[in-house]
């Protein structure tokens, strides 16, 4: 690593015309710059500069060596500028994972807006109701329900929602205890929900799932078709109603389930990419 530093300083000495001028530009002492030049020549075993009291002149070997050193500085400057540019204008790959319901109604609209604002951004979206390993799949941001136990991930609470127990409008009865339960795979087979009314009365519902699916959309489709009842996030239900989709209805409109927090998780400890920061901010605004 010292070799690269010495080569970079040597290029600055040549371009600035003297050790003193290079020291001023690099904000180093003249003795430090001189020592780097001396060490470089010693290790190479050649003379790079012919020194007089008034000027420095490149030797033939020094001229060839300088061209390579100049390229190193050029590459370093380009890399630095590109890195800083990504913190002023988000660009390149941005990989996000989220459960299907959150991806459709929350993440995708936010990403669509960001793509319009920042054309150089290239998002990759992974919809999965299971928790995808962020490091294994090189994921920049995960949107999840509930806090993660992984201490290696940076977490931020974005907002919250509530699940709503729903059924098809074509059901012959609204007695939830007589209807089959359609479960997402993550719920397991044994279902238990505690509903609370505004007057603090509560209702505990227990059932064994008649059908399980690993897809949120399959679960919704089964409920719509009248196969049974199940929970649907309030924001997704609101979207259906806004589209005049009257195939699903809440079964306990005067009672509610507990709040579910939504978290943003990222593997970036201190300085996340600008695209990640902008996405989290936009998601917070959307949930608000």
C-alpha atoms as a PDB file:
ATOM      1  CA  UNK A   1       0.000   0.000   0.000  1.00  0.00           C
ATOM      2  CA  UNK A   2       2.957   2.340   0.690  1.00  0.00           C
ATOM      3  CA  UNK A   3       4.148   1.799  -2.880  1.00  0.00           C
ATOM      4  CA  UNK A   4       0.883   3.222  -4.263  1.00  0.00           C
ATOM      5  CA  UNK A   5       1.132   6.233  -1.945  1.00  0.00           C
ATOM      6  CA  UNK A   6       4.735   6.856  -2.947  1.00  0.00           C
ATOM      7  CA  UNK A   7       3.880   6.574  -6.655  1.00  0.00           C
ATOM      8  CA  UNK A   8       0.971   8.994  -6.228  1.00  0.00           C
ATOM      9  CA  UNK A   9       3.189  11.529  -4.434  1.00  0.00           C
ATOM     10  CA  UNK A  10       5.870  11.170  -7.100  1.00  0.00           C
ATOM     11  CA  UNK A  11       3.354  12.044  -9.828  1.00  0.00           C
ATOM     12  CA  UNK A  12       2.328  15.154  -7.867  1.00  0.00           C
ATOM     13  CA  UNK A  13       5.980  16.210  -7.490  1.00  0.00           C
ATOM     14  CA  UNK A  14       6.448  16.015 -11.252  1.00  0.00           C
ATOM     15  CA  UNK A  15       3.203  17.851 -12.024  1.00  0.00           C
ATOM     16  CA  UNK A  16       3.700  20.586  -9.427  1.00  0.00           C
ATOM     17  CA  UNK A  17       7.331  21.099 -10.421  1.00  0.00           C
ATOM     18  CA  UNK A  18       8.910  20.739  -6.987  1.00  0.00           C
ATOM     19  CA  UNK A  19       8.773  18.910  -3.659  1.00  0.00           C
ATOM     20  CA  UNK A  20       7.623  22.098  -1.918  1.00  0.00           C
ATOM     21  CA  UNK A  21       4.733  22.705  -4.311  1.00  0.00           C
ATOM     22  CA  UNK A  22       3.633  19.068  -4.091  1.00  0.00           C
ATOM     23  CA  UNK A  23       3.763  19.251  -0.294  1.00  0.00           C
ATOM     24  CA  UNK A  24       1.511  22.325  -0.337  1.00  0.00           C
ATOM     25  CA  UNK A  25      -1.024  20.688  -2.639  1.00  0.00           C
ATOM     26  CA  UNK A  26      -1.125  17.448  -0.655  1.00  0.00           C
ATOM     27  CA  UNK A  27      -1.153  19.286   2.692  1.00  0.00           C
ATOM     28  CA  UNK A  28       1.943  17.417   3.813  1.00  0.00           C
ATOM     29  CA  UNK A  29       5.262  18.628   5.163  1.00  0.00           C
ATOM     30  CA  UNK A  30       8.145  19.026   2.732  1.00  0.00           C
ATOM     31  CA  UNK A  31      10.206  16.487   4.698  1.00  0.00           C
ATOM     32  CA  UNK A  32       7.493  13.829   4.422  1.00  0.00           C
ATOM     33  CA  UNK A  33       7.217  14.280   0.645  1.00  0.00           C
ATOM     34  CA  UNK A  34      11.020  14.212   0.272  1.00  0.00           C
ATOM     35  CA  UNK A  35      11.237  11.024   2.327  1.00  0.00           C
ATOM     36  CA  UNK A  36       8.623   9.303   0.162  1.00  0.00           C
ATOM     37  CA  UNK A  37      10.580  10.222  -2.975  1.00  0.00           C
ATOM     38  CA  UNK A  38      13.850   9.050  -1.441  1.00  0.00           C
ATOM     39  CA  UNK A  39      12.342   5.726  -0.307  1.00  0.00           C
ATOM     40  CA  UNK A  40      10.755   5.182  -3.724  1.00  0.00           C
ATOM     41  CA  UNK A  41      14.068   5.645  -5.541  1.00  0.00           C
ATOM     42  CA  UNK A  42      15.884   3.417  -3.055  1.00  0.00           C
ATOM     43  CA  UNK A  43      13.397   0.592  -3.419  1.00  0.00           C
ATOM     44  CA  UNK A  44      13.346   0.861  -7.201  1.00  0.00           C
ATOM     45  CA  UNK A  45      17.120   1.123  -7.370  1.00  0.00           C
ATOM     46  CA  UNK A  46      16.968   3.919  -9.958  1.00  0.00           C
ATOM     47  CA  UNK A  47      17.098   7.715 -10.067  1.00  0.00           C
ATOM     48  CA  UNK A  48      13.769   9.223 -11.058  1.00  0.00           C
ATOM     49  CA  UNK A  49      14.610  12.940 -10.838  1.00  0.00           C
ATOM     50  CA  UNK A  50      17.808  14.867 -11.542  1.00  0.00           C
ATOM     51  CA  UNK A  51      17.813  17.597  -8.921  1.00  0.00           C
ATOM     52  CA  UNK A  52      19.378  21.034  -9.066  1.00  0.00           C
ATOM     53  CA  UNK A  53      18.882  23.961  -6.751  1.00  0.00           C
ATOM     54  CA  UNK A  54      16.351  25.481  -9.153  1.00  0.00           C
ATOM     55  CA  UNK A  55      14.544  22.609 -10.821  1.00  0.00           C
ATOM     56  CA  UNK A  56      13.892  18.884 -11.098  1.00  0.00           C
ATOM     57  CA  UNK A  57      14.249  17.038 -14.380  1.00  0.00           C
ATOM     58  CA  UNK A  58      12.890  13.563 -15.090  1.00  0.00           C
ATOM     59  CA  UNK A  59      15.403  10.910 -16.043  1.00  0.00           C
ATOM     60  CA  UNK A  60      14.507   8.554 -18.900  1.00  0.00           C
ATOM     61  CA  UNK A  61      13.458   5.901 -16.390  1.00  0.00           C
ATOM     62  CA  UNK A  62      11.622   8.557 -14.390  1.00  0.00           C
ATOM     63  CA  UNK A  63       9.646   9.673 -17.447  1.00  0.00           C
ATOM     64  CA  UNK A  64       8.364   6.145 -18.152  1.00  0.00           C
ATOM     65  CA  UNK A  65       7.632   5.574 -14.465  1.00  0.00           C
ATOM     66  CA  UNK A  66       5.780   8.880 -14.201  1.00  0.00           C
ATOM     67  CA  UNK A  67       3.344   7.919 -16.971  1.00  0.00           C
ATOM     68  CA  UNK A  68       2.246   4.880 -14.959  1.00  0.00           C
ATOM     69  CA  UNK A  69       2.038   6.890 -11.737  1.00  0.00           C
ATOM     70  CA  UNK A  70      -0.093   9.520 -13.479  1.00  0.00           C
ATOM     71  CA  UNK A  71      -2.508   6.783 -14.582  1.00  0.00           C
ATOM     72  CA  UNK A  72      -2.809   5.593 -10.979  1.00  0.00           C
ATOM     73  CA  UNK A  73      -3.813   9.100  -9.860  1.00  0.00           C
ATOM     74  CA  UNK A  74      -6.252   9.430 -12.753  1.00  0.00           C
ATOM     75  CA  UNK A  75      -7.924   6.120 -11.909  1.00  0.00           C
ATOM     76  CA  UNK A  76      -8.075   7.087  -8.224  1.00  0.00           C
ATOM     77  CA  UNK A  77      -9.662  10.460  -9.062  1.00  0.00           C
ATOM     78  CA  UNK A  78     -12.258   8.820 -11.316  1.00  0.00           C
ATOM     79  CA  UNK A  79     -13.107   6.241  -8.647  1.00  0.00           C
ATOM     80  CA  UNK A  80     -13.465   8.997  -6.036  1.00  0.00           C
ATOM     81  CA  UNK A  81     -15.704  11.108  -8.271  1.00  0.00           C
ATOM     82  CA  UNK A  82     -17.896   8.136  -9.181  1.00  0.00           C
ATOM     83  CA  UNK A  83     -18.324   7.183  -5.531  1.00  0.00           C
ATOM     84  CA  UNK A  84     -19.307  10.743  -4.626  1.00  0.00           C
ATOM     85  CA  UNK A  85     -21.630  10.986  -7.627  1.00  0.00           C
ATOM     86  CA  UNK A  86     -23.586   7.974  -6.340  1.00  0.00           C
ATOM     87  CA  UNK A  87     -24.230   9.947  -3.155  1.00  0.00           C
ATOM     88  CA  UNK A  88     -25.598  12.901  -5.115  1.00  0.00           C
ATOM     89  CA  UNK A  89     -27.609  10.973  -7.708  1.00  0.00           C
ATOM     90  CA  UNK A  90     -28.720   7.395  -6.938  1.00  0.00           C
ATOM     91  CA  UNK A  91     -27.781   5.040  -9.732  1.00  0.00           C
ATOM     92  CA  UNK A  92     -27.098   1.413 -10.488  1.00  0.00           C
ATOM     93  CA  UNK A  93     -28.471  -1.709  -8.851  1.00  0.00           C
ATOM     94  CA  UNK A  94     -30.840  -1.486  -5.879  1.00  0.00           C
ATOM     95  CA  UNK A  95     -32.126  -4.865  -4.695  1.00  0.00           C
ATOM     96  CA  UNK A  96     -35.212  -4.877  -2.445  1.00  0.00           C
ATOM     97  CA  UNK A  97     -37.192  -7.752  -0.987  1.00  0.00           C
ATOM     98  CA  UNK A  98     -40.620  -7.570   0.651  1.00  0.00           C
ATOM     99  CA  UNK A  99     -43.677  -9.753   1.286  1.00  0.00           C
ATOM    100  CA  UNK A 100     -46.060  -9.883  -1.670  1.00  0.00           C
ATOM    101  CA  UNK A 101     -48.713  -7.633  -0.117  1.00  0.00           C
ATOM    102  CA  UNK A 102     -46.183  -4.960   0.867  1.00  0.00           C
ATOM    103  CA  UNK A 103     -44.385  -5.200  -2.469  1.00  0.00           C
ATOM    104  CA  UNK A 104     -47.579  -4.629  -4.476  1.00  0.00           C
ATOM    105  CA  UNK A 105     -49.181  -1.834  -2.509  1.00  0.00           C
ATOM    106  CA  UNK A 106     -46.259  -0.124  -0.786  1.00  0.00           C
ATOM    107  CA  UNK A 107     -42.824  -0.825  -2.279  1.00  0.00           C
ATOM    108  CA  UNK A 108     -43.629  -0.930  -6.016  1.00  0.00           C
ATOM    109  CA  UNK A 109     -45.386   2.482  -6.133  1.00  0.00           C
ATOM    110  CA  UNK A 110     -42.478   4.043  -4.221  1.00  0.00           C
ATOM    111  CA  UNK A 111     -39.904   2.460  -6.542  1.00  0.00           C
ATOM    112  CA  UNK A 112     -41.874   3.603  -9.594  1.00  0.00           C
ATOM    113  CA  UNK A 113     -41.669   7.215  -8.371  1.00  0.00           C
ATOM    114  CA  UNK A 114     -37.933   6.927  -7.657  1.00  0.00           C
ATOM    115  CA  UNK A 115     -37.308   5.505 -11.139  1.00  0.00           C
ATOM    116  CA  UNK A 116     -39.026   8.537 -12.674  1.00  0.00           C
ATOM    117  CA  UNK A 117     -36.912  10.919 -10.583  1.00  0.00           C
ATOM    118  CA  UNK A 118     -33.637   9.030 -11.036  1.00  0.00           C
ATOM    119  CA  UNK A 119     -33.421   7.317 -14.472  1.00  0.00           C
ATOM    120  CA  UNK A 120     -29.996   5.805 -13.700  1.00  0.00           C
ATOM    121  CA  UNK A 121     -31.458   3.724 -10.869  1.00  0.00           C
ATOM    122  CA  UNK A 122     -31.853   0.016 -11.719  1.00  0.00           C
ATOM    123  CA  UNK A 123     -34.052  -1.678  -9.070  1.00  0.00           C
ATOM    124  CA  UNK A 124     -34.343  -5.430  -8.598  1.00  0.00           C
ATOM    125  CA  UNK A 125     -37.468  -6.443  -6.659  1.00  0.00           C
ATOM    126  CA  UNK A 126     -37.901  -9.810  -4.936  1.00  0.00           C
ATOM    127  CA  UNK A 127     -41.439 -10.589  -3.727  1.00  0.00           C
ATOM    128  CA  UNK A 128     -41.341 -13.354  -1.133  1.00  0.00           C
ATOM    129  CA  UNK A 129     -43.502 -14.016   1.916  1.00  0.00           C
ATOM    130  CA  UNK A 130     -40.556 -15.928   3.412  1.00  0.00           C
ATOM    131  CA  UNK A 131     -37.529 -14.127   4.846  1.00  0.00           C
ATOM    132  CA  UNK A 132     -34.811 -14.016   2.191  1.00  0.00           C
ATOM    133  CA  UNK A 133     -31.180 -14.002   3.350  1.00  0.00           C
ATOM    134  CA  UNK A 134     -29.856 -10.500   2.644  1.00  0.00           C
ATOM    135  CA  UNK A 135     -26.174 -11.402   2.479  1.00  0.00           C
ATOM    136  CA  UNK A 136     -26.654 -14.561   0.403  1.00  0.00           C
ATOM    137  CA  UNK A 137     -28.674 -12.787  -2.293  1.00  0.00           C
ATOM    138  CA  UNK A 138     -26.838  -9.432  -2.072  1.00  0.00           C
ATOM    139  CA  UNK A 139     -29.985  -7.546  -1.023  1.00  0.00           C
ATOM    140  CA  UNK A 140     -29.712  -3.852  -0.184  1.00  0.00           C
ATOM    141  CA  UNK A 141     -33.036  -3.416   1.600  1.00  0.00           C
ATOM    142  CA  UNK A 142     -35.662  -5.705   3.106  1.00  0.00           C
ATOM    143  CA  UNK A 143     -39.147  -4.585   4.124  1.00  0.00           C
ATOM    144  CA  UNK A 144     -40.573  -6.898   6.762  1.00  0.00           C
ATOM    145  CA  UNK A 145     -43.379  -7.211   9.245  1.00  0.00           C
ATOM    146  CA  UNK A 146     -42.017  -7.244  12.785  1.00  0.00           C
ATOM    147  CA  UNK A 147     -38.549  -6.642  14.145  1.00  0.00           C
ATOM    148  CA  UNK A 148     -35.721  -8.984  13.163  1.00  0.00           C
ATOM    149  CA  UNK A 149     -33.572 -10.807  15.708  1.00  0.00           C
ATOM    150  CA  UNK A 150     -30.514 -10.440  13.457  1.00  0.00           C
ATOM    151  CA  UNK A 151     -28.199  -7.995  15.233  1.00  0.00           C
ATOM    152  CA  UNK A 152     -26.038  -7.668  12.104  1.00  0.00           C
ATOM    153  CA  UNK A 153     -28.772  -5.751  10.279  1.00  0.00           C
ATOM    154  CA  UNK A 154     -29.629  -2.097  10.700  1.00  0.00           C
ATOM    155  CA  UNK A 155     -33.350  -1.737  11.379  1.00  0.00           C
ATOM    156  CA  UNK A 156     -35.732   1.177  11.212  1.00  0.00           C
ATOM    157  CA  UNK A 157     -39.426   1.202  11.953  1.00  0.00           C
ATOM    158  CA  UNK A 158     -41.355   2.656   9.010  1.00  0.00           C
ATOM    159  CA  UNK A 159     -44.946   2.437  10.158  1.00  0.00           C
ATOM    160  CA  UNK A 160     -47.652  -0.061  10.985  1.00  0.00           C
ATOM    161  CA  UNK A 161     -50.829  -1.753   9.787  1.00  0.00           C
ATOM    162  CA  UNK A 162     -53.516  -4.101  11.025  1.00  0.00           C
ATOM    163  CA  UNK A 163     -54.742  -7.391   9.607  1.00  0.00           C
ATOM    164  CA  UNK A 164     -58.463  -7.726   8.957  1.00  0.00           C
ATOM    165  CA  UNK A 165     -60.337 -11.032   9.086  1.00  0.00           C
ATOM    166  CA  UNK A 166     -62.156 -11.260   5.753  1.00  0.00           C
ATOM    167  CA  UNK A 167     -64.377 -13.546   3.774  1.00  0.00           C
ATOM    168  CA  UNK A 168     -66.168 -13.614   0.443  1.00  0.00           C
ATOM    169  CA  UNK A 169     -69.354 -11.567   0.101  1.00  0.00           C
ATOM    170  CA  UNK A 170     -70.895 -14.788  -1.263  1.00  0.00           C
ATOM    171  CA  UNK A 171     -70.587 -16.695   2.030  1.00  0.00           C
ATOM    172  CA  UNK A 172     -73.840 -18.150   3.398  1.00  0.00           C
ATOM    173  CA  UNK A 173     -72.889 -17.353   6.996  1.00  0.00           C
ATOM    174  CA  UNK A 174     -70.719 -14.816   8.815  1.00  0.00           C
ATOM    175  CA  UNK A 175     -70.177 -17.126  11.804  1.00  0.00           C
ATOM    176  CA  UNK A 176     -66.396 -17.318  11.752  1.00  0.00           C
ATOM    177  CA  UNK A 177     -66.394 -20.524  13.816  1.00  0.00           C
ATOM    178  CA  UNK A 178     -68.270 -22.418  11.101  1.00  0.00           C
ATOM    179  CA  UNK A 179     -66.078 -21.372   8.184  1.00  0.00           C
ATOM    180  CA  UNK A 180     -62.815 -22.969   6.948  1.00  0.00           C
ATOM    181  CA  UNK A 181     -59.660 -20.930   7.596  1.00  0.00           C
ATOM    182  CA  UNK A 182     -57.236 -20.116   4.765  1.00  0.00           C
ATOM    183  CA  UNK A 183     -53.712 -19.519   6.117  1.00  0.00           C
ATOM    184  CA  UNK A 184     -50.497 -18.108   4.783  1.00  0.00           C
ATOM    185  CA  UNK A 185     -47.707 -20.644   5.299  1.00  0.00           C
ATOM    186  CA  UNK A 186     -45.956 -18.429   7.824  1.00  0.00           C
ATOM    187  CA  UNK A 187     -49.036 -18.629  10.092  1.00  0.00           C
ATOM    188  CA  UNK A 188     -48.687 -22.354  10.599  1.00  0.00           C
ATOM    189  CA  UNK A 189     -51.548 -24.803  11.061  1.00  0.00           C
ATOM    190  CA  UNK A 190     -52.810 -23.706  14.471  1.00  0.00           C
ATOM    191  CA  UNK A 191     -54.419 -20.291  14.187  1.00  0.00           C
ATOM    192  CA  UNK A 192     -55.165 -17.957  17.073  1.00  0.00           C
ATOM    193  CA  UNK A 193     -56.383 -14.361  16.827  1.00  0.00           C
ATOM    194  CA  UNK A 194     -57.416 -11.980  19.599  1.00  0.00           C
ATOM    195  CA  UNK A 195     -59.901  -9.321  18.501  1.00  0.00           C
ATOM    196  CA  UNK A 196     -60.596  -6.203  20.553  1.00  0.00           C
ATOM    197  CA  UNK A 197     -63.619  -3.898  20.329  1.00  0.00           C
ATOM    198  CA  UNK A 198     -63.649  -0.172  21.029  1.00  0.00           C
ATOM    199  CA  UNK A 199     -65.372  -0.891  24.339  1.00  0.00           C
ATOM    200  CA  UNK A 200     -62.411  -3.137  25.292  1.00  0.00           C
ATOM    201  CA  UNK A 201     -64.375  -6.354  24.870  1.00  0.00           C
ATOM    202  CA  UNK A 202     -62.281  -9.100  23.329  1.00  0.00           C
ATOM    203  CA  UNK A 203     -62.814 -12.260  21.314  1.00  0.00           C
ATOM    204  CA  UNK A 204     -60.310 -15.089  21.007  1.00  0.00           C
ATOM    205  CA  UNK A 205     -60.584 -17.063  17.779  1.00  0.00           C
ATOM    206  CA  UNK A 206     -58.865 -20.437  17.507  1.00  0.00           C
ATOM    207  CA  UNK A 207     -58.935 -22.770  14.548  1.00  0.00           C
ATOM    208  CA  UNK A 208     -56.900 -25.236  12.546  1.00  0.00           C
ATOM    209  CA  UNK A 209     -56.111 -24.088   9.031  1.00  0.00           C
ATOM    210  CA  UNK A 210     -58.083 -26.001   6.407  1.00  0.00           C
ATOM    211  CA  UNK A 211     -55.776 -24.798   3.639  1.00  0.00           C
ATOM    212  CA  UNK A 212     -52.289 -23.264   3.650  1.00  0.00           C
ATOM    213  CA  UNK A 213     -50.465 -21.495   0.838  1.00  0.00           C
ATOM    214  CA  UNK A 214     -47.004 -19.962   0.514  1.00  0.00           C
ATOM    215  CA  UNK A 215     -48.393 -17.153  -1.634  1.00  0.00           C
ATOM    216  CA  UNK A 216     -50.291 -14.130  -0.359  1.00  0.00           C
ATOM    217  CA  UNK A 217     -52.065 -13.800  -3.697  1.00  0.00           C
ATOM    218  CA  UNK A 218     -53.231 -17.428  -3.574  1.00  0.00           C
ATOM    219  CA  UNK A 219     -54.597 -16.790  -0.112  1.00  0.00           C
ATOM    220  CA  UNK A 220     -56.558 -13.761  -1.328  1.00  0.00           C
ATOM    221  CA  UNK A 221     -57.803 -15.666  -4.375  1.00  0.00           C
ATOM    222  CA  UNK A 222     -59.088 -18.517  -2.200  1.00  0.00           C
ATOM    223  CA  UNK A 223     -60.888 -16.092   0.098  1.00  0.00           C
ATOM    224  CA  UNK A 224     -62.421 -14.279  -2.874  1.00  0.00           C
ATOM    225  CA  UNK A 225     -63.629 -17.587  -4.286  1.00  0.00           C
ATOM    226  CA  UNK A 226     -65.454 -18.413  -1.062  1.00  0.00           C
ATOM    227  CA  UNK A 227     -63.168 -21.276   0.000  1.00  0.00           C
ATOM    228  CA  UNK A 228     -62.870 -19.863   3.509  1.00  0.00           C
ATOM    229  CA  UNK A 229     -61.828 -16.913   5.639  1.00  0.00           C
ATOM    230  CA  UNK A 230     -58.435 -15.394   6.382  1.00  0.00           C
ATOM    231  CA  UNK A 231     -56.561 -12.250   7.289  1.00  0.00           C
ATOM    232  CA  UNK A 232     -55.798  -9.469   4.797  1.00  0.00           C
ATOM    233  CA  UNK A 233     -53.777  -6.302   5.608  1.00  0.00           C
ATOM    234  CA  UNK A 234     -55.942  -3.216   6.004  1.00  0.00           C
ATOM    235  CA  UNK A 235     -53.988  -1.290   3.355  1.00  0.00           C
ATOM    236  CA  UNK A 236     -54.543  -4.072   0.813  1.00  0.00           C
ATOM    237  CA  UNK A 237     -58.253  -4.261   1.658  1.00  0.00           C
ATOM    238  CA  UNK A 238     -58.511  -0.479   1.228  1.00  0.00           C
ATOM    239  CA  UNK A 239     -56.933  -0.779  -2.197  1.00  0.00           C
ATOM    240  CA  UNK A 240     -59.445  -3.449  -3.244  1.00  0.00           C
ATOM    241  CA  UNK A 241     -62.332  -1.248  -2.107  1.00  0.00           C
ATOM    242  CA  UNK A 242     -60.863   1.741  -3.949  1.00  0.00           C
ATOM    243  CA  UNK A 243     -60.984  -0.369  -7.123  1.00  0.00           C
ATOM    244  CA  UNK A 244     -64.669  -1.149  -6.405  1.00  0.00           C
ATOM    245  CA  UNK A 245     -63.752  -4.775  -5.758  1.00  0.00           C
ATOM    246  CA  UNK A 246     -66.621  -5.910  -3.547  1.00  0.00           C
ATOM    247  CA  UNK A 247     -65.782  -9.619  -3.542  1.00  0.00           C
ATOM    248  CA  UNK A 248     -64.239  -9.487  -0.038  1.00  0.00           C
ATOM    249  CA  UNK A 249     -65.738  -8.066   3.151  1.00  0.00           C
ATOM    250  CA  UNK A 250     -64.562  -7.685   6.777  1.00  0.00           C
ATOM    251  CA  UNK A 251     -66.250 -10.242   9.033  1.00  0.00           C
ATOM    252  CA  UNK A 252     -65.818  -8.412  12.347  1.00  0.00           C
ATOM    253  CA  UNK A 253     -66.077  -4.724  11.355  1.00  0.00           C
ATOM    254  CA  UNK A 254     -66.406  -3.511  14.938  1.00  0.00           C
ATOM    255  CA  UNK A 255     -63.390  -5.399  16.234  1.00  0.00           C
ATOM    256  CA  UNK A 256     -59.692  -5.223  15.350  1.00  0.00           C
ATOM    257  CA  UNK A 257     -56.494  -7.188  15.655  1.00  0.00           C
ATOM    258  CA  UNK A 258     -53.238  -5.955  17.145  1.00  0.00           C
ATOM    259  CA  UNK A 259     -50.980  -3.575  15.220  1.00  0.00           C
ATOM    260  CA  UNK A 260     -48.207  -5.003  13.046  1.00  0.00           C
ATOM    261  CA  UNK A 261     -45.040  -2.866  12.784  1.00  0.00           C
ATOM    262  CA  UNK A 262     -43.234  -2.578   9.446  1.00  0.00           C
ATOM    263  CA  UNK A 263     -39.438  -2.409   9.473  1.00  0.00           C
ATOM    264  CA  UNK A 264     -36.766  -1.594   6.924  1.00  0.00           C
ATOM    265  CA  UNK A 265     -33.670  -3.780   7.258  1.00  0.00           C
ATOM    266  CA  UNK A 266     -30.331  -3.205   5.558  1.00  0.00           C
ATOM    267  CA  UNK A 267     -26.818  -4.657   5.853  1.00  0.00           C
ATOM    268  CA  UNK A 268     -25.252  -1.173   5.819  1.00  0.00           C
ATOM    269  CA  UNK A 269     -24.034  -0.258   9.285  1.00  0.00           C
ATOM    270  CA  UNK A 270     -23.007   3.404   9.010  1.00  0.00           C
ATOM    271  CA  UNK A 271     -23.271   4.905   5.531  1.00  0.00           C
ATOM    272  CA  UNK A 272     -25.970   3.293   3.378  1.00  0.00           C
ATOM    273  CA  UNK A 273     -26.072   4.154  -0.345  1.00  0.00           C
ATOM    274  CA  UNK A 274     -28.132   7.204  -1.232  1.00  0.00           C
ATOM    275  CA  UNK A 275     -30.674   5.008  -3.071  1.00  0.00           C
ATOM    276  CA  UNK A 276     -31.344   3.022   0.119  1.00  0.00           C
ATOM    277  CA  UNK A 277     -31.760   6.191   2.197  1.00  0.00           C
ATOM    278  CA  UNK A 278     -34.139   7.771  -0.337  1.00  0.00           C
ATOM    279  CA  UNK A 279     -36.185   4.569  -0.563  1.00  0.00           C
ATOM    280  CA  UNK A 280     -36.581   4.314   3.226  1.00  0.00           C
ATOM    281  CA  UNK A 281     -37.617   7.966   3.447  1.00  0.00           C
ATOM    282  CA  UNK A 282     -40.185   7.529   0.651  1.00  0.00           C
ATOM    283  CA  UNK A 283     -41.605   4.383   2.285  1.00  0.00           C
ATOM    284  CA  UNK A 284     -41.985   6.224   5.598  1.00  0.00           C
ATOM    285  CA  UNK A 285     -43.842   9.025   3.834  1.00  0.00           C
ATOM    286  CA  UNK A 286     -46.094   6.549   2.037  1.00  0.00           C
ATOM    287  CA  UNK A 287     -47.006   4.754   5.267  1.00  0.00           C
ATOM    288  CA  UNK A 288     -47.642   8.022   7.083  1.00  0.00           C
END
